[in-house]
Amino acid sequence: FRHNEDGSYTYGYEAADGTFKIETKLPTGEVKGKYGYVDDVGKVRVVEYGATKYGFEPSGEGITVPPPTLVDESAKNAVQDQD
């Protein structure tokens, strides 16, 4: 695949077994996409994800995701400015 002038891109594929991936990178640097894989019983499972300043953020059936560990510094500074 190739990048656009602004650094963004979109690409994807699908295999004969039903597995797939599609991903888009925005000019802001954020990435969004989803992929499908075949589990151990032959079912295609779909995972959607995003990648932001908080890191990789997957979601899908049976996925448990801990809360982000990064702190939004702008919100932290706003609270301190009110003191």
C-alpha atoms as a PDB file:
ATOM      1  CA  PHE A   1       0.000   0.000   0.000  1.00  0.00           C
ATOM      2  CA  ARG A   2       1.050   3.607  -0.230  1.00  0.00           C
ATOM      3  CA  HIS A   3       0.714   6.628   2.020  1.00  0.00           C
ATOM      4  CA  ASN A   4      -1.157   9.740   0.943  1.00  0.00           C
ATOM      5  CA  GLU A   5       0.645  13.085   0.988  1.00  0.00           C
ATOM      6  CA  ASP A   6      -0.823  13.887   4.424  1.00  0.00           C
ATOM      7  CA  GLY A   7       0.507  10.596   5.875  1.00  0.00           C
ATOM      8  CA  SER A   8      -2.885   8.873   5.897  1.00  0.00           C
ATOM      9  CA  TYR A   9      -3.605   5.475   4.360  1.00  0.00           C
ATOM     10  CA  THR A  10      -6.232   2.756   4.049  1.00  0.00           C
ATOM     11  CA  TYR A  11      -5.558  -0.863   3.212  1.00  0.00           C
ATOM     12  CA  GLY A  12      -7.138  -4.241   3.651  1.00  0.00           C
ATOM     13  CA  TYR A  13      -7.337  -7.847   2.557  1.00  0.00           C
ATOM     14  CA  GLU A  14      -9.519 -10.925   2.904  1.00  0.00           C
ATOM     15  CA  ALA A  15      -8.309 -14.526   2.752  1.00  0.00           C
ATOM     16  CA  ALA A  16     -10.176 -17.597   1.504  1.00  0.00           C
ATOM     17  CA  ASP A  17     -10.730 -18.853   5.079  1.00  0.00           C
ATOM     18  CA  GLY A  18     -12.648 -15.681   6.027  1.00  0.00           C
ATOM     19  CA  THR A  19      -9.838 -13.954   7.890  1.00  0.00           C
ATOM     20  CA  PHE A  20      -9.435 -10.292   7.014  1.00  0.00           C
ATOM     21  CA  LYS A  21      -7.999  -6.941   7.994  1.00  0.00           C
ATOM     22  CA  ILE A  22      -8.850  -3.362   7.106  1.00  0.00           C
ATOM     23  CA  GLU A  23      -7.037  -0.376   8.569  1.00  0.00           C
ATOM     24  CA  THR A  24      -7.085   3.392   8.138  1.00  0.00           C
ATOM     25  CA  LYS A  25      -4.564   5.886   9.454  1.00  0.00           C
ATOM     26  CA  LEU A  26      -5.912   9.418   9.714  1.00  0.00           C
ATOM     27  CA  PRO A  27      -3.832  12.560   9.071  1.00  0.00           C
ATOM     28  CA  THR A  28      -3.896  13.115  12.866  1.00  0.00           C
ATOM     29  CA  GLY A  29      -1.916   9.894  13.356  1.00  0.00           C
ATOM     30  CA  GLU A  30      -4.820   7.960  14.860  1.00  0.00           C
ATOM     31  CA  VAL A  31      -5.344   4.466  13.469  1.00  0.00           C
ATOM     32  CA  LYS A  32      -8.669   2.624  13.252  1.00  0.00           C
ATOM     33  CA  GLY A  33      -9.453  -0.775  11.878  1.00  0.00           C
ATOM     34  CA  LYS A  34     -10.726  -4.265  12.387  1.00  0.00           C
ATOM     35  CA  TYR A  35      -9.607  -7.780  11.703  1.00  0.00           C
ATOM     36  CA  GLY A  36     -11.153 -11.201  11.726  1.00  0.00           C
ATOM     37  CA  TYR A  37      -9.518 -14.478  12.673  1.00  0.00           C
ATOM     38  CA  VAL A  38     -10.698 -18.073  12.843  1.00  0.00           C
ATOM     39  CA  ASP A  39     -10.883 -19.364  16.419  1.00  0.00           C
ATOM     40  CA  ASP A  40     -10.221 -22.935  17.556  1.00  0.00           C
ATOM     41  CA  VAL A  41     -13.800 -24.040  16.737  1.00  0.00           C
ATOM     42  CA  GLY A  42     -13.752 -22.541  13.239  1.00  0.00           C
ATOM     43  CA  LYS A  43     -15.757 -19.378  13.953  1.00  0.00           C
ATOM     44  CA  VAL A  44     -14.562 -16.057  12.522  1.00  0.00           C
ATOM     45  CA  ARG A  45     -14.076 -13.617  15.402  1.00  0.00           C
ATOM     46  CA  VAL A  46     -13.969  -9.874  14.731  1.00  0.00           C
ATOM     47  CA  VAL A  47     -11.854  -7.406  16.688  1.00  0.00           C
ATOM     48  CA  GLU A  48     -12.206  -3.668  16.130  1.00  0.00           C
ATOM     49  CA  TYR A  49      -9.428  -1.387  17.290  1.00  0.00           C
ATOM     50  CA  GLY A  50      -8.136   2.115  17.463  1.00  0.00           C
ATOM     51  CA  ALA A  51      -4.733   3.481  18.300  1.00  0.00           C
ATOM     52  CA  THR A  52      -4.667   6.927  19.858  1.00  0.00           C
ATOM     53  CA  LYS A  53      -2.463   8.786  22.308  1.00  0.00           C
ATOM     54  CA  TYR A  54      -3.786   6.300  24.890  1.00  0.00           C
ATOM     55  CA  GLY A  55      -2.362   3.329  22.967  1.00  0.00           C
ATOM     56  CA  PHE A  56      -3.930   0.293  21.324  1.00  0.00           C
ATOM     57  CA  GLU A  57      -7.647   0.016  22.162  1.00  0.00           C
ATOM     58  CA  PRO A  58      -9.229  -3.267  20.998  1.00  0.00           C
ATOM     59  CA  SER A  59     -12.880  -4.237  21.364  1.00  0.00           C
ATOM     60  CA  GLY A  60     -14.754  -7.372  20.456  1.00  0.00           C
ATOM     61  CA  GLU A  61     -16.683 -10.322  21.795  1.00  0.00           C
ATOM     62  CA  GLY A  62     -14.805 -11.938  24.678  1.00  0.00           C
ATOM     63  CA  ILE A  63     -12.138  -9.230  24.931  1.00  0.00           C
ATOM     64  CA  THR A  64     -11.474  -7.619  28.295  1.00  0.00           C
ATOM     65  CA  VAL A  65      -9.566  -4.353  28.109  1.00  0.00           C
ATOM     66  CA  PRO A  66      -8.081  -2.592  31.134  1.00  0.00           C
ATOM     67  CA  PRO A  67      -8.616   1.174  31.386  1.00  0.00           C
ATOM     68  CA  PRO A  68      -5.994   3.464  29.810  1.00  0.00           C
ATOM     69  CA  THR A  69      -2.959   4.149  31.974  1.00  0.00           C
ATOM     70  CA  LEU A  70      -2.014   7.497  30.437  1.00  0.00           C
ATOM     71  CA  VAL A  71      -3.270  10.696  32.005  1.00  0.00           C
ATOM     72  CA  ASP A  72      -4.670  13.532  29.910  1.00  0.00           C
ATOM     73  CA  GLU A  73      -2.215  16.239  30.969  1.00  0.00           C
ATOM     74  CA  SER A  74      -4.434  19.085  29.697  1.00  0.00           C
ATOM     75  CA  ALA A  75      -7.263  17.996  32.020  1.00  0.00           C
ATOM     76  CA  LYS A  76      -4.807  17.586  34.899  1.00  0.00           C
ATOM     77  CA  ASN A  77      -3.426  21.094  34.336  1.00  0.00           C
ATOM     78  CA  ALA A  78      -6.943  22.567  34.163  1.00  0.00           C
ATOM     79  CA  VAL A  79      -7.763  21.103  37.588  1.00  0.00           C
ATOM     80  CA  GLN A  80      -4.513  22.442  39.058  1.00  0.00           C
ATOM     81  CA  ASP A  81      -5.206  25.909  37.612  1.00  0.00           C
ATOM     82  CA  GLN A  82      -8.533  26.002  39.484  1.00  0.00           C
ATOM     83  CA  ASP A  83      -6.826  25.524  42.881  1.00  0.00           C
END
